[in-house]
Amino acid sequence: MPGARRLMVVLEEDGVRLRPLRYRDRAAWHQVRAANAAWLAPWEATSPVPGPPVGFAAYVAQCRRQTRRGEGLPFVIEVEGELVGQLSVSSIVMGAARSASIGYWVSRDLAGRGIVPTAVAMAADDCFTRLGLHRLEINIRPENTASLRVVEKLGFRDEGVRRRYLHIAGDWRDHRTFALLAEEVPEGLLERWRRSRGRHAGDVPGSGPAHG
């Protein structure tokens, strides 16, 4: 696995950019979160044990610690230079498993435009190639039709329901688990996503990673 200084990268494809979360994102992050509070509340994990809210600076520091430890890669999603969502690679396990989970959200006014599938495909290829992971999974509440469309578009396999898997909105909620193995996309998930949209690597500028 790369050293801590090289774990976070900037990935770009078709106008969608993934980059590390920064302290100076505070205002933009709060703005987009406030505008989408009702849209996000039914799907985001909560703690079963009440406690004080985590401030933005503490949240960024927590994300950076996870990166240094090789436990996660927290990105923001940008479109035309504007912060519009987040994507996190979490629960990274090396050794015999070489696996991780991906979670994401995007502003409601941009949902359905291919932004999240593009972001997930970029992150997945980075995990499979640069980090050498073997398996990625995405866990989605059965009622979350918008997120279910993302894994359908990308061809993640449905591995069934995990009962009361995560605590969300005051209770333990069922989730469906979708998974993808590196050998299932030898050409790369991004290339498969391009083909499904009638595009190829040479048609899209800025498709490679740049180290941040």
Protein backbone atom coordinates (compact mmCIF):
# COMPACT_ATOMS: atom_id res chain seq x y z
CA MET A 1 0.00 0.00 0.00
CA PRO A 2 1.34 3.49 -0.81
CA GLY A 3 2.78 5.63 1.98
CA ALA A 4 0.44 8.00 3.81
CA ARG A 5 1.59 11.03 1.82
CA ARG A 6 0.56 9.33 -1.43
CA LEU A 7 -2.70 7.75 -0.32
CA MET A 8 -4.92 10.67 -1.36
CA VAL A 9 -5.08 11.55 -5.02
CA VAL A 10 -7.14 13.79 -7.28
CA LEU A 11 -9.20 11.91 -9.89
CA GLU A 12 -10.98 13.55 -12.82
CA GLU A 13 -13.31 12.31 -15.53
CA ASP A 14 -15.92 13.97 -17.73
CA GLY A 15 -16.23 17.10 -15.57
CA VAL A 16 -16.38 15.17 -12.28
CA ARG A 17 -13.51 15.62 -9.84
CA LEU A 18 -12.65 13.71 -6.67
CA ARG A 19 -10.21 15.37 -4.28
CA PRO A 20 -9.39 15.30 -0.55
CA LEU A 21 -11.62 17.08 1.94
CA ARG A 22 -9.93 20.25 3.25
CA TYR A 23 -10.41 22.57 6.21
CA ARG A 24 -11.15 25.44 3.83
CA ASP A 25 -14.17 23.51 2.49
CA ARG A 26 -16.08 24.44 5.64
CA ALA A 27 -18.39 27.10 4.14
CA ALA A 28 -19.14 25.21 0.91
CA TRP A 29 -19.63 21.92 2.77
CA HIS A 30 -22.06 23.46 5.28
CA GLN A 31 -23.95 25.20 2.48
CA VAL A 32 -24.54 22.09 0.40
CA ARG A 33 -25.32 20.00 3.47
CA ALA A 34 -27.90 22.51 4.70
CA ALA A 35 -29.53 22.71 1.28
CA ASN A 36 -29.83 18.90 1.16
CA ALA A 37 -30.60 18.11 4.80
CA ALA A 38 -34.03 16.59 4.12
CA TRP A 39 -32.73 14.71 1.06
CA LEU A 40 -29.88 13.07 3.00
CA ALA A 41 -31.42 12.44 6.44
CA PRO A 42 -33.20 9.13 5.62
CA TRP A 43 -29.99 7.48 4.39
CA GLU A 44 -27.11 8.64 6.57
CA ALA A 45 -25.70 6.63 9.47
CA THR A 46 -26.37 7.85 12.99
CA SER A 47 -25.03 6.81 16.38
CA PRO A 48 -27.21 4.62 18.62
CA VAL A 49 -25.50 6.31 21.58
CA PRO A 50 -26.37 10.03 21.80
CA GLY A 51 -23.42 12.38 22.02
CA PRO A 52 -22.30 15.90 21.13
CA PRO A 53 -22.15 16.74 17.41
CA VAL A 54 -18.75 16.60 15.71
CA GLY A 55 -17.60 19.97 14.36
CA PHE A 56 -16.29 20.33 10.83
CA ALA A 57 -12.64 20.79 11.84
CA ALA A 58 -12.80 17.66 14.01
CA TYR A 59 -14.45 15.79 11.14
CA VAL A 60 -11.66 16.74 8.71
CA ALA A 61 -9.04 15.77 11.29
CA GLN A 62 -10.77 12.42 11.76
CA CYS A 63 -10.76 11.84 7.99
CA ARG A 64 -7.05 12.63 7.81
CA ARG A 65 -6.27 10.20 10.62
CA GLN A 66 -8.13 7.47 8.75
CA THR A 67 -6.09 8.22 5.65
CA ARG A 68 -2.77 8.18 7.53
CA ARG A 69 -3.68 4.81 9.03
CA GLY A 70 -4.66 3.42 5.65
CA GLU A 71 -8.23 2.87 6.85
CA GLY A 72 -10.09 5.14 4.44
CA LEU A 73 -9.99 7.63 1.59
CA PRO A 74 -12.44 10.53 2.07
CA PHE A 75 -13.12 12.56 -1.08
CA VAL A 76 -15.33 15.48 -1.98
CA ILE A 77 -17.10 15.46 -5.34
CA GLU A 78 -16.70 18.60 -7.43
CA VAL A 79 -18.48 19.61 -10.63
CA GLU A 80 -17.32 22.78 -12.41
CA GLY A 81 -15.24 23.65 -9.36
CA GLU A 82 -18.19 23.45 -6.95
CA LEU A 83 -18.44 21.04 -4.03
CA VAL A 84 -21.58 18.98 -4.72
CA GLY A 85 -21.15 15.83 -2.64
CA GLN A 86 -18.82 13.31 -1.05
CA LEU A 87 -17.49 9.82 -1.70
CA SER A 88 -15.69 7.79 0.95
CA VAL A 89 -13.73 4.58 0.65
CA SER A 90 -13.91 3.15 4.17
CA SER A 91 -13.16 0.00 6.15
CA ILE A 92 -10.06 -0.70 4.03
CA VAL A 93 -8.68 -4.12 4.94
CA MET A 94 -5.45 -5.44 3.44
CA GLY A 95 -3.93 -8.85 4.09
CA ALA A 96 -5.94 -11.82 2.81
CA ALA A 97 -9.17 -9.82 2.35
CA ARG A 98 -8.03 -6.70 0.46
CA SER A 99 -11.48 -5.16 0.60
CA ALA A 100 -13.26 -1.88 1.29
CA SER A 101 -16.67 -0.22 1.28
CA ILE A 102 -17.78 2.80 -0.73
CA GLY A 103 -20.35 5.35 0.39
CA TYR A 104 -21.49 8.52 -1.33
CA TRP A 105 -23.97 11.37 -1.53
CA VAL A 106 -24.62 14.15 -4.02
CA SER A 107 -26.77 17.27 -4.06
CA ARG A 108 -30.37 16.47 -4.97
CA ASP A 109 -30.45 18.86 -7.93
CA LEU A 110 -27.61 16.89 -9.58
CA ALA A 111 -28.91 13.38 -8.90
CA GLY A 112 -29.48 11.21 -11.96
CA ARG A 113 -26.90 12.95 -14.15
CA GLY A 114 -24.24 10.26 -13.99
CA ILE A 115 -22.07 12.15 -11.50
CA VAL A 116 -22.10 9.52 -8.76
CA PRO A 117 -21.58 6.52 -11.09
CA THR A 118 -18.60 8.35 -12.61
CA ALA A 119 -17.21 9.13 -9.15
CA VAL A 120 -17.68 5.53 -7.95
CA ALA A 121 -16.05 4.15 -11.10
CA MET A 122 -13.01 6.41 -10.65
CA ALA A 123 -12.64 5.47 -7.00
CA ALA A 124 -13.10 1.77 -7.71
CA ASP A 125 -10.40 1.74 -10.39
CA ASP A 126 -8.03 3.56 -8.04
CA CYS A 127 -8.71 0.98 -5.32
CA PHE A 128 -8.23 -1.99 -7.64
CA THR A 129 -5.07 -0.71 -9.32
CA ARG A 130 -3.12 1.64 -7.06
CA LEU A 131 -4.17 0.11 -3.73
CA GLY A 132 -4.36 -3.44 -5.00
CA LEU A 133 -7.76 -4.21 -3.45
CA HIS A 134 -9.72 -7.27 -4.54
CA ARG A 135 -13.31 -6.55 -3.43
CA LEU A 136 -15.46 -3.45 -3.05
CA GLU A 137 -18.94 -3.31 -1.61
CA ILE A 138 -21.71 -0.74 -1.39
CA ASN A 139 -24.48 -1.11 1.20
CA ILE A 140 -27.81 0.53 0.40
CA ARG A 141 -31.16 0.72 2.14
CA PRO A 142 -33.77 -1.13 0.04
CA GLU A 143 -35.90 2.03 -0.11
CA ASN A 144 -33.11 4.19 -1.55
CA THR A 145 -34.06 3.98 -5.22
CA ALA A 146 -31.65 6.72 -6.32
CA SER A 147 -28.65 4.88 -4.87
CA LEU A 148 -29.87 1.53 -6.18
CA ARG A 149 -29.75 2.98 -9.69
CA VAL A 150 -26.04 3.75 -9.22
CA VAL A 151 -25.04 0.13 -8.55
CA GLU A 152 -27.36 -1.06 -11.31
CA LYS A 153 -25.69 1.23 -13.84
CA LEU A 154 -22.22 0.08 -12.77
CA GLY A 155 -23.00 -3.63 -12.66
CA PHE A 156 -22.37 -4.36 -8.98
CA ARG A 157 -23.72 -7.78 -7.94
CA ASP A 158 -26.59 -7.97 -5.45
CA GLU A 159 -25.43 -10.21 -2.58
CA GLY A 160 -28.60 -10.02 -0.53
CA VAL A 161 -29.94 -8.29 2.57
CA ARG A 162 -28.08 -7.59 5.79
CA ARG A 163 -30.69 -7.38 8.53
CA ARG A 164 -30.53 -4.32 10.79
CA TYR A 165 -27.07 -3.57 9.43
CA LEU A 166 -26.63 0.15 10.22
CA HIS A 167 -28.17 2.61 12.65
CA ILE A 168 -29.97 5.33 10.66
CA ALA A 169 -32.59 7.89 11.71
CA GLY A 170 -33.07 6.41 15.16
CA ASP A 171 -33.19 2.68 14.43
CA TRP A 172 -31.25 -0.27 12.98
CA ARG A 173 -32.00 -0.56 9.26
CA ASP A 174 -31.77 -3.35 6.73
CA HIS A 175 -29.35 -2.88 3.83
CA ARG A 176 -28.75 -4.66 0.56
CA THR A 177 -25.11 -5.42 -0.15
CA PHE A 178 -23.72 -4.98 -3.67
CA ALA A 179 -20.18 -6.09 -4.50
CA LEU A 180 -17.61 -5.99 -7.28
CA LEU A 181 -14.35 -7.95 -7.62
CA ALA A 182 -11.28 -6.71 -9.45
CA GLU A 183 -11.32 -9.65 -11.87
CA GLU A 184 -14.90 -8.82 -12.86
CA VAL A 185 -13.72 -5.60 -14.50
CA PRO A 186 -10.32 -6.40 -16.07
CA GLU A 187 -10.70 -3.41 -18.38
CA GLY A 188 -11.57 -1.16 -15.42
CA LEU A 189 -14.95 -0.07 -14.11
CA LEU A 190 -14.57 3.40 -15.60
CA GLU A 191 -14.06 1.98 -19.09
CA ARG A 192 -17.12 -0.24 -18.67
CA TRP A 193 -19.12 2.79 -17.53
CA ARG A 194 -17.86 4.77 -20.53
CA ARG A 195 -18.91 2.01 -22.92
CA SER A 196 -22.36 1.84 -21.40
CA ARG A 197 -22.70 5.55 -22.21
CA GLY A 198 -21.32 5.14 -25.73
CA ARG A 199 -17.92 6.63 -24.87
CA HIS A 200 -14.33 5.45 -24.90
CA ALA A 201 -11.17 6.53 -23.08
CA GLY A 202 -9.95 8.63 -25.99
CA ASP A 203 -13.21 10.58 -26.12
CA VAL A 204 -12.95 11.98 -22.60
CA PRO A 205 -10.21 14.40 -21.46
CA GLY A 206 -8.66 14.36 -18.02
CA SER A 207 -9.37 10.72 -17.25
CA GLY A 208 -6.21 9.89 -15.27
CA PRO A 209 -5.31 10.43 -11.63
CA ALA A 210 -3.18 13.32 -10.42
CA HIS A 211 -1.49 12.99 -7.05
CA GLY A 212 -2.51 15.64 -4.57
